[in-house]
Amino acid sequence: MERDMLNITARQDLMRNICDTISVLVEEARLDFAENDLEVRVVDPSHVAMIRMKVDSAAFGSWEVDETSLGLELVKMRDLLSLGNAGDLI
């Protein structure tokens, strides 16, 4: 069975900003990784507001990705990100 590859590095503050922005509307999100970007699309539970975000792969320190999706619980992700500092690569 072949597995999708997801090998990226990013500054802690970039990932923190992404999580903070999305968590305004939802507690969980699906991150869609493509060849050249990360895309996140979330809708609040009452279907009143939506955030659609694209982050170019150039914003990341390294980017080796097979097209794949990753679901995250944002509170846990923010807890993990709080262990680092703004300039740290994760």
PDB file of N, CA and C in Angstrom:
ATOM      1  N   MET A   1       0.841  -1.180   0.000  1.00  0.00           N
ATOM      2  CA  MET A   1       0.000   0.000   0.000  1.00  0.00           C
ATOM      3  C   MET A   1       0.888   1.245   0.000  1.00  0.00           C
ATOM      4  N   GLU A   2       0.654   2.118  -0.941  1.00  0.00           N
ATOM      5  CA  GLU A   2       1.443   3.345  -1.044  1.00  0.00           C
ATOM      6  C   GLU A   2       0.830   4.430  -0.161  1.00  0.00           C
ATOM      7  N   ARG A   3       1.679   5.140   0.547  1.00  0.00           N
ATOM      8  CA  ARG A   3       1.210   6.218   1.424  1.00  0.00           C
ATOM      9  C   ARG A   3       1.523   7.563   0.809  1.00  0.00           C
ATOM     10  N   ASP A   4       0.655   8.545   1.105  1.00  0.00           N
ATOM     11  CA  ASP A   4       0.902   9.909   0.645  1.00  0.00           C
ATOM     12  C   ASP A   4       2.039  10.514   1.447  1.00  0.00           C
ATOM     13  N   MET A   5       2.841  11.345   0.783  1.00  0.00           N
ATOM     14  CA  MET A   5       3.951  12.000   1.453  1.00  0.00           C
ATOM     15  C   MET A   5       3.538  13.411   1.864  1.00  0.00           C
ATOM     16  N   LEU A   6       3.867  13.769   3.084  1.00  0.00           N
ATOM     17  CA  LEU A   6       3.647  15.118   3.590  1.00  0.00           C
ATOM     18  C   LEU A   6       4.860  15.473   4.431  1.00  0.00           C
ATOM     19  N   ASN A   7       5.778  16.217   3.848  1.00  0.00           N
ATOM     20  CA  ASN A   7       7.022  16.587   4.512  1.00  0.00           C
ATOM     21  C   ASN A   7       7.218  18.089   4.333  1.00  0.00           C
ATOM     22  N   ILE A   8       6.806  18.848   5.340  1.00  0.00           N
ATOM     23  CA  ILE A   8       6.928  20.307   5.260  1.00  0.00           C
ATOM     24  C   ILE A   8       7.571  20.839   6.534  1.00  0.00           C
ATOM     25  N   THR A   9       8.194  22.003   6.413  1.00  0.00           N
ATOM     26  CA  THR A   9       8.607  22.771   7.585  1.00  0.00           C
ATOM     27  C   THR A   9       8.021  24.163   7.428  1.00  0.00           C
ATOM     28  N   ALA A  10       7.681  24.756   8.557  1.00  0.00           N
ATOM     29  CA  ALA A  10       7.082  26.089   8.544  1.00  0.00           C
ATOM     30  C   ALA A  10       7.484  26.816   9.812  1.00  0.00           C
ATOM     31  N   ARG A  11       7.465  28.124   9.751  1.00  0.00           N
ATOM     32  CA  ARG A  11       7.693  28.916  10.959  1.00  0.00           C
ATOM     33  C   ARG A  11       6.504  28.717  11.899  1.00  0.00           C
ATOM     34  N   GLN A  12       6.789  28.694  13.172  1.00  0.00           N
ATOM     35  CA  GLN A  12       5.748  28.509  14.176  1.00  0.00           C
ATOM     36  C   GLN A  12       4.691  29.589  14.057  1.00  0.00           C
ATOM     37  N   ASP A  13       5.096  30.834  13.812  1.00  0.00           N
ATOM     38  CA  ASP A  13       4.123  31.921  13.747  1.00  0.00           C
ATOM     39  C   ASP A  13       3.201  31.800  12.535  1.00  0.00           C
ATOM     40  N   LEU A  14       3.675  31.253  11.426  1.00  0.00           N
ATOM     41  CA  LEU A  14       2.809  31.035  10.262  1.00  0.00           C
ATOM     42  C   LEU A  14       1.728  30.017  10.603  1.00  0.00           C
ATOM     43  N   MET A  15       2.124  28.899  11.173  1.00  0.00           N
ATOM     44  CA  MET A  15       1.146  27.870  11.523  1.00  0.00           C
ATOM     45  C   MET A  15       0.194  28.355  12.605  1.00  0.00           C
ATOM     46  N   ARG A  16       0.721  29.138  13.536  1.00  0.00           N
ATOM     47  CA  ARG A  16      -0.138  29.693  14.591  1.00  0.00           C
ATOM     48  C   ARG A  16      -1.180  30.639  13.998  1.00  0.00           C
ATOM     49  N   ASN A  17      -0.778  31.489  13.048  1.00  0.00           N
ATOM     50  CA  ASN A  17      -1.723  32.404  12.402  1.00  0.00           C
ATOM     51  C   ASN A  17      -2.799  31.648  11.629  1.00  0.00           C
ATOM     52  N   ILE A  18      -2.405  30.591  10.947  1.00  0.00           N
ATOM     53  CA  ILE A  18      -3.383  29.781  10.218  1.00  0.00           C
ATOM     54  C   ILE A  18      -4.397  29.182  11.194  1.00  0.00           C
ATOM     55  N   CYS A  19      -3.914  28.568  12.272  1.00  0.00           N
ATOM     56  CA  CYS A  19      -4.807  27.961  13.266  1.00  0.00           C
ATOM     57  C   CYS A  19      -5.693  28.992  13.951  1.00  0.00           C
ATOM     58  N   ASP A  20      -5.118  30.131  14.320  1.00  0.00           N
ATOM     59  CA  ASP A  20      -5.901  31.178  14.984  1.00  0.00           C
ATOM     60  C   ASP A  20      -7.013  31.701  14.081  1.00  0.00           C
ATOM     61  N   THR A  21      -6.709  31.884  12.805  1.00  0.00           N
ATOM     62  CA  THR A  21      -7.701  32.400  11.863  1.00  0.00           C
ATOM     63  C   THR A  21      -8.858  31.422  11.698  1.00  0.00           C
ATOM     64  N   ILE A  22      -8.540  30.170  11.501  1.00  0.00           N
ATOM     65  CA  ILE A  22      -9.569  29.158  11.270  1.00  0.00           C
ATOM     66  C   ILE A  22     -10.404  28.916  12.523  1.00  0.00           C
ATOM     67  N   SER A  23      -9.771  28.934  13.685  1.00  0.00           N
ATOM     68  CA  SER A  23     -10.473  28.594  14.924  1.00  0.00           C
ATOM     69  C   SER A  23     -11.494  29.641  15.337  1.00  0.00           C
ATOM     70  N   VAL A  24     -11.527  30.772  14.648  1.00  0.00           N
ATOM     71  CA  VAL A  24     -12.585  31.757  14.891  1.00  0.00           C
ATOM     72  C   VAL A  24     -13.946  31.145  14.549  1.00  0.00           C
ATOM     73  N   LEU A  25     -13.978  30.246  13.555  1.00  0.00           N
ATOM     74  CA  LEU A  25     -15.245  29.671  13.090  1.00  0.00           C
ATOM     75  C   LEU A  25     -15.484  28.231  13.519  1.00  0.00           C
ATOM     76  N   VAL A  26     -14.432  27.426  13.595  1.00  0.00           N
ATOM     77  CA  VAL A  26     -14.617  25.984  13.819  1.00  0.00           C
ATOM     78  C   VAL A  26     -13.600  25.443  14.818  1.00  0.00           C
ATOM     79  N   GLU A  27     -13.874  24.249  15.322  1.00  0.00           N
ATOM     80  CA  GLU A  27     -12.953  23.582  16.241  1.00  0.00           C
ATOM     81  C   GLU A  27     -12.076  22.557  15.528  1.00  0.00           C
ATOM     82  N   GLU A  28     -12.532  22.088  14.373  1.00  0.00           N
ATOM     83  CA  GLU A  28     -11.778  21.125  13.571  1.00  0.00           C
ATOM     84  C   GLU A  28     -11.751  21.601  12.133  1.00  0.00           C
ATOM     85  N   ALA A  29     -10.690  21.255  11.413  1.00  0.00           N
ATOM     86  CA  ALA A  29     -10.576  21.684  10.020  1.00  0.00           C
ATOM     87  C   ALA A  29      -9.821  20.642   9.211  1.00  0.00           C
ATOM     88  N   ARG A  30     -10.103  20.645   7.919  1.00  0.00           N
ATOM     89  CA  ARG A  30      -9.359  19.803   6.982  1.00  0.00           C
ATOM     90  C   ARG A  30      -8.415  20.694   6.197  1.00  0.00           C
ATOM     91  N   LEU A  31      -7.138  20.349   6.217  1.00  0.00           N
ATOM     92  CA  LEU A  31      -6.130  21.069   5.445  1.00  0.00           C
ATOM     93  C   LEU A  31      -5.838  20.251   4.198  1.00  0.00           C
ATOM     94  N   ASP A  32      -5.994  20.873   3.042  1.00  0.00           N
ATOM     95  CA  ASP A  32      -5.755  20.204   1.767  1.00  0.00           C
ATOM     96  C   ASP A  32      -4.407  20.651   1.223  1.00  0.00           C
ATOM     97  N   PHE A  33      -3.480  19.720   1.135  1.00  0.00           N
ATOM     98  CA  PHE A  33      -2.143  19.995   0.626  1.00  0.00           C
ATOM     99  C   PHE A  33      -2.086  19.588  -0.838  1.00  0.00           C
ATOM    100  N   ALA A  34      -1.642  20.505  -1.688  1.00  0.00           N
ATOM    101  CA  ALA A  34      -1.491  20.245  -3.116  1.00  0.00           C
ATOM    102  C   ALA A  34      -0.034  20.483  -3.501  1.00  0.00           C
ATOM    103  N   GLU A  35       0.252  20.344  -4.771  1.00  0.00           N
ATOM    104  CA  GLU A  35       1.632  20.472  -5.242  1.00  0.00           C
ATOM    105  C   GLU A  35       2.239  21.831  -4.905  1.00  0.00           C
ATOM    106  N   ASN A  36       1.437  22.896  -4.995  1.00  0.00           N
ATOM    107  CA  ASN A  36       1.976  24.250  -4.839  1.00  0.00           C
ATOM    108  C   ASN A  36       1.361  25.070  -3.720  1.00  0.00           C
ATOM    109  N   ASP A  37       0.415  24.511  -2.962  1.00  0.00           N
ATOM    110  CA  ASP A  37      -0.204  25.322  -1.919  1.00  0.00           C
ATOM    111  C   ASP A  37      -0.945  24.476  -0.892  1.00  0.00           C
ATOM    112  N   LEU A  38      -1.271  25.158   0.192  1.00  0.00           N
ATOM    113  CA  LEU A  38      -2.129  24.623   1.238  1.00  0.00           C
ATOM    114  C   LEU A  38      -3.446  25.365   1.127  1.00  0.00           C
ATOM    115  N   GLU A  39      -4.544  24.639   1.110  1.00  0.00           N
ATOM    116  CA  GLU A  39      -5.853  25.285   1.051  1.00  0.00           C
ATOM    117  C   GLU A  39      -6.700  24.799   2.213  1.00  0.00           C
ATOM    118  N   VAL A  40      -7.373  25.755   2.839  1.00  0.00           N
ATOM    119  CA  VAL A  40      -8.275  25.453   3.938  1.00  0.00           C
ATOM    120  C   VAL A  40      -9.591  26.161   3.653  1.00  0.00           C
ATOM    121  N   ARG A  41     -10.677  25.417   3.795  1.00  0.00           N
ATOM    122  CA  ARG A  41     -12.004  26.000   3.608  1.00  0.00           C
ATOM    123  C   ARG A  41     -12.867  25.514   4.762  1.00  0.00           C
ATOM    124  N   VAL A  42     -13.363  26.436   5.570  1.00  0.00           N
ATOM    125  CA  VAL A  42     -14.206  26.073   6.711  1.00  0.00           C
ATOM    126  C   VAL A  42     -15.466  26.924   6.706  1.00  0.00           C
ATOM    127  N   VAL A  43     -16.547  26.333   7.215  1.00  0.00           N
ATOM    128  CA  VAL A  43     -17.830  27.020   7.346  1.00  0.00           C
ATOM    129  C   VAL A  43     -18.277  26.846   8.788  1.00  0.00           C
ATOM    130  N   ASP A  44     -18.783  27.923   9.384  1.00  0.00           N
ATOM    131  CA  ASP A  44     -19.247  27.835  10.764  1.00  0.00           C
ATOM    132  C   ASP A  44     -20.469  26.915  10.839  1.00  0.00           C
ATOM    133  N   PRO A  45     -20.774  26.379  12.035  1.00  0.00           N
ATOM    134  CA  PRO A  45     -21.861  25.407  12.176  1.00  0.00           C
ATOM    135  C   PRO A  45     -23.230  25.906  11.706  1.00  0.00           C
ATOM    136  N   SER A  46     -23.502  27.186  11.779  1.00  0.00           N
ATOM    137  CA  SER A  46     -24.801  27.702  11.338  1.00  0.00           C
ATOM    138  C   SER A  46     -24.797  28.128   9.871  1.00  0.00           C
ATOM    139  N   HIS A  47     -23.694  27.884   9.175  1.00  0.00           N
ATOM    140  CA  HIS A  47     -23.559  28.178   7.739  1.00  0.00           C
ATOM    141  C   HIS A  47     -23.793  29.653   7.405  1.00  0.00           C
ATOM    142  N   VAL A  48     -23.282  30.510   8.253  1.00  0.00           N
ATOM    143  CA  VAL A  48     -23.394  31.953   8.040  1.00  0.00           C
ATOM    144  C   VAL A  48     -22.079  32.533   7.532  1.00  0.00           C
ATOM    145  N   ALA A  49     -20.973  32.014   8.006  1.00  0.00           N
ATOM    146  CA  ALA A  49     -19.661  32.564   7.640  1.00  0.00           C
ATOM    147  C   ALA A  49     -18.757  31.455   7.109  1.00  0.00           C
ATOM    148  N   MET A  50     -17.853  31.859   6.214  1.00  0.00           N
ATOM    149  CA  MET A  50     -16.907  30.911   5.640  1.00  0.00           C
ATOM    150  C   MET A  50     -15.539  31.574   5.539  1.00  0.00           C
ATOM    151  N   ILE A  51     -14.512  30.788   5.772  1.00  0.00           N
ATOM    152  CA  ILE A  51     -13.134  31.235   5.540  1.00  0.00           C
ATOM    153  C   ILE A  51     -12.549  30.308   4.481  1.00  0.00           C
ATOM    154  N   ARG A  52     -11.980  30.911   3.456  1.00  0.00           N
ATOM    155  CA  ARG A  52     -11.236  30.153   2.447  1.00  0.00           C
ATOM    156  C   ARG A  52      -9.844  30.756   2.401  1.00  0.00           C
ATOM    157  N   MET A  53      -8.861  29.935   2.650  1.00  0.00           N
ATOM    158  CA  MET A  53      -7.489  30.414   2.748  1.00  0.00           C
ATOM    159  C   MET A  53      -6.595  29.561   1.858  1.00  0.00           C
ATOM    160  N   LYS A  54      -5.735  30.222   1.104  1.00  0.00           N
ATOM    161  CA  LYS A  54      -4.701  29.530   0.333  1.00  0.00           C
ATOM    162  C   LYS A  54      -3.362  30.092   0.762  1.00  0.00           C
ATOM    163  N   VAL A  55      -2.429  29.215   1.054  1.00  0.00           N
ATOM    164  CA  VAL A  55      -1.081  29.620   1.433  1.00  0.00           C
ATOM    165  C   VAL A  55      -0.132  28.976   0.426  1.00  0.00           C
ATOM    166  N   ASP A  56       0.611  29.806  -0.286  1.00  0.00           N
ATOM    167  CA  ASP A  56       1.535  29.318  -1.301  1.00  0.00           C
ATOM    168  C   ASP A  56       2.654  28.516  -0.650  1.00  0.00           C
ATOM    169  N   SER A  57       3.117  27.497  -1.341  1.00  0.00           N
ATOM    170  CA  SER A  57       4.180  26.646  -0.803  1.00  0.00           C
ATOM    171  C   SER A  57       5.460  27.429  -0.523  1.00  0.00           C
ATOM    172  N   ALA A  58       5.646  28.574  -1.192  1.00  0.00           N
ATOM    173  CA  ALA A  58       6.836  29.403  -0.969  1.00  0.00           C
ATOM    174  C   ALA A  58       6.870  29.990   0.443  1.00  0.00           C
ATOM    175  N   ALA A  59       5.730  30.021   1.136  1.00  0.00           N
ATOM    176  CA  ALA A  59       5.681  30.549   2.501  1.00  0.00           C
ATOM    177  C   ALA A  59       6.274  29.571   3.514  1.00  0.00           C
ATOM    178  N   PHE A  60       6.533  28.341   3.082  1.00  0.00           N
ATOM    179  CA  PHE A  60       7.038  27.303   3.965  1.00  0.00           C
ATOM    180  C   PHE A  60       8.536  27.128   3.774  1.00  0.00           C
ATOM    181  N   GLY A  61       9.205  26.638   4.808  1.00  0.00           N
ATOM    182  CA  GLY A  61      10.643  26.404   4.724  1.00  0.00           C
ATOM    183  C   GLY A  61      10.991  25.299   3.748  1.00  0.00           C
ATOM    184  N   SER A  62      10.259  24.205   3.806  1.00  0.00           N
ATOM    185  CA  SER A  62      10.411  23.124   2.832  1.00  0.00           C
ATOM    186  C   SER A  62       9.025  22.599   2.503  1.00  0.00           C
ATOM    187  N   TRP A  63       8.902  22.021   1.304  1.00  0.00           N
ATOM    188  CA  TRP A  63       7.590  21.583   0.823  1.00  0.00           C
ATOM    189  C   TRP A  63       7.766  20.372  -0.084  1.00  0.00           C
ATOM    190  N   GLU A  64       7.530  19.190   0.451  1.00  0.00           N
ATOM    191  CA  GLU A  64       7.527  17.947  -0.320  1.00  0.00           C
ATOM    192  C   GLU A  64       6.198  17.265  -0.027  1.00  0.00           C
ATOM    193  N   VAL A  65       5.265  17.376  -0.975  1.00  0.00           N
ATOM    194  CA  VAL A  65       3.894  16.978  -0.699  1.00  0.00           C
ATOM    195  C   VAL A  65       3.314  16.187  -1.865  1.00  0.00           C
ATOM    196  N   ASP A  66       2.715  15.047  -1.555  1.00  0.00           N
ATOM    197  CA  ASP A  66       1.790  14.405  -2.470  1.00  0.00           C
ATOM    198  C   ASP A  66       0.421  14.981  -2.120  1.00  0.00           C
ATOM    199  N   GLU A  67      -0.410  15.182  -3.101  1.00  0.00           N
ATOM    200  CA  GLU A  67      -1.724  15.759  -2.833  1.00  0.00           C
ATOM    201  C   GLU A  67      -2.433  14.912  -1.782  1.00  0.00           C
ATOM    202  N   THR A  68      -2.760  15.545  -0.659  1.00  0.00           N
ATOM    203  CA  THR A  68      -3.370  14.826   0.455  1.00  0.00           C
ATOM    204  C   THR A  68      -4.127  15.798   1.349  1.00  0.00           C
ATOM    205  N   SER A  69      -4.972  15.257   2.207  1.00  0.00           N
ATOM    206  CA  SER A  69      -5.731  16.058   3.169  1.00  0.00           C
ATOM    207  C   SER A  69      -5.408  15.580   4.574  1.00  0.00           C
ATOM    208  N   LEU A  70      -5.485  16.519   5.509  1.00  0.00           N
ATOM    209  CA  LEU A  70      -5.173  16.223   6.898  1.00  0.00           C
ATOM    210  C   LEU A  70      -6.198  16.921   7.780  1.00  0.00           C
ATOM    211  N   GLY A  71      -6.883  16.163   8.624  1.00  0.00           N
ATOM    212  CA  GLY A  71      -7.839  16.743   9.558  1.00  0.00           C
ATOM    213  C   GLY A  71      -7.158  17.073  10.875  1.00  0.00           C
ATOM    214  N   LEU A  72      -7.472  18.254  11.413  1.00  0.00           N
ATOM    215  CA  LEU A  72      -6.850  18.693  12.666  1.00  0.00           C
ATOM    216  C   LEU A  72      -7.888  19.167  13.664  1.00  0.00           C
ATOM    217  N   GLU A  73      -7.662  18.825  14.925  1.00  0.00           N
ATOM    218  CA  GLU A  73      -8.406  19.432  16.014  1.00  0.00           C
ATOM    219  C   GLU A  73      -7.599  20.670  16.406  1.00  0.00           C
ATOM    220  N   LEU A  74      -8.154  21.841  16.183  1.00  0.00           N
ATOM    221  CA  LEU A  74      -7.391  23.083  16.261  1.00  0.00           C
ATOM    222  C   LEU A  74      -6.902  23.419  17.661  1.00  0.00           C
ATOM    223  N   VAL A  75      -7.660  23.087  18.690  1.00  0.00           N
ATOM    224  CA  VAL A  75      -7.218  23.371  20.060  1.00  0.00           C
ATOM    225  C   VAL A  75      -5.940  22.589  20.366  1.00  0.00           C
ATOM    226  N   LYS A  76      -5.905  21.326  19.968  1.00  0.00           N
ATOM    227  CA  LYS A  76      -4.708  20.513  20.211  1.00  0.00           C
ATOM    228  C   LYS A  76      -3.532  21.015  19.384  1.00  0.00           C
ATOM    229  N   MET A  77      -3.804  21.427  18.155  1.00  0.00           N
ATOM    230  CA  MET A  77      -2.730  21.959  17.312  1.00  0.00           C
ATOM    231  C   MET A  77      -2.168  23.245  17.916  1.00  0.00           C
ATOM    232  N   ARG A  78      -3.034  24.119  18.397  1.00  0.00           N
ATOM    233  CA  ARG A  78      -2.571  25.362  19.022  1.00  0.00           C
ATOM    234  C   ARG A  78      -1.764  25.064  20.278  1.00  0.00           C
ATOM    235  N   ASP A  79      -2.170  24.056  21.048  1.00  0.00           N
ATOM    236  CA  ASP A  79      -1.399  23.660  22.232  1.00  0.00           C
ATOM    237  C   ASP A  79       0.006  23.213  21.835  1.00  0.00           C
ATOM    238  N   LEU A  80       0.109  22.416  20.784  1.00  0.00           N
ATOM    239  CA  LEU A  80       1.425  21.976  20.307  1.00  0.00           C
ATOM    240  C   LEU A  80       2.258  23.154  19.823  1.00  0.00           C
ATOM    241  N   LEU A  81       1.631  24.065  19.080  1.00  0.00           N
ATOM    242  CA  LEU A  81       2.356  25.220  18.552  1.00  0.00           C
ATOM    243  C   LEU A  81       2.844  26.148  19.659  1.00  0.00           C
ATOM    244  N   SER A  82       2.136  26.170  20.785  1.00  0.00           N
ATOM    245  CA  SER A  82       2.537  27.051  21.886  1.00  0.00           C
ATOM    246  C   SER A  82       3.844  26.593  22.537  1.00  0.00           C
ATOM    247  N   LEU A  83       4.297  25.389  22.232  1.00  0.00           N
ATOM    248  CA  LEU A  83       5.564  24.899  22.776  1.00  0.00           C
ATOM    249  C   LEU A  83       6.769  25.531  22.095  1.00  0.00           C
ATOM    250  N   GLY A  84       6.546  26.154  20.927  1.00  0.00           N
ATOM    251  CA  GLY A  84       7.638  26.782  20.185  1.00  0.00           C
ATOM    252  C   GLY A  84       7.561  28.292  20.243  1.00  0.00           C
ATOM    253  N   ASN A  85       8.562  28.934  19.655  1.00  0.00           N
ATOM    254  CA  ASN A  85       8.610  30.393  19.559  1.00  0.00           C
ATOM    255  C   ASN A  85       8.353  30.817  18.121  1.00  0.00           C
ATOM    256  N   ALA A  86       8.064  32.104  17.929  1.00  0.00           N
ATOM    257  CA  ALA A  86       7.636  32.625  16.631  1.00  0.00           C
ATOM    258  C   ALA A  86       8.582  32.279  15.483  1.00  0.00           C
ATOM    259  N   GLY A  87       9.859  32.310  15.673  1.00  0.00           N
ATOM    260  CA  GLY A  87      10.794  32.053  14.582  1.00  0.00           C
ATOM    261  C   GLY A  87      11.178  30.596  14.403  1.00  0.00           C
ATOM    262  N   ASP A  88      10.724  29.730  15.312  1.00  0.00           N
ATOM    263  CA  ASP A  88      11.098  28.318  15.249  1.00  0.00           C
ATOM    264  C   ASP A  88      10.528  27.647  14.011  1.00  0.00           C
ATOM    265  N   LEU A  89      11.304  26.752  13.418  1.00  0.00           N
ATOM    266  CA  LEU A  89      10.814  25.921  12.322  1.00  0.00           C
ATOM    267  C   LEU A  89      10.252  24.639  12.905  1.00  0.00           C
ATOM    268  N   ILE A  90       9.082  24.287  12.439  1.00  0.00           N
ATOM    269  CA  ILE A  90       8.439  23.062  12.925  1.00  0.00           C
ATOM    270  C   ILE A  90       8.108  22.160  11.754  1.00  0.00           C
TER     271      ILE A  90
END
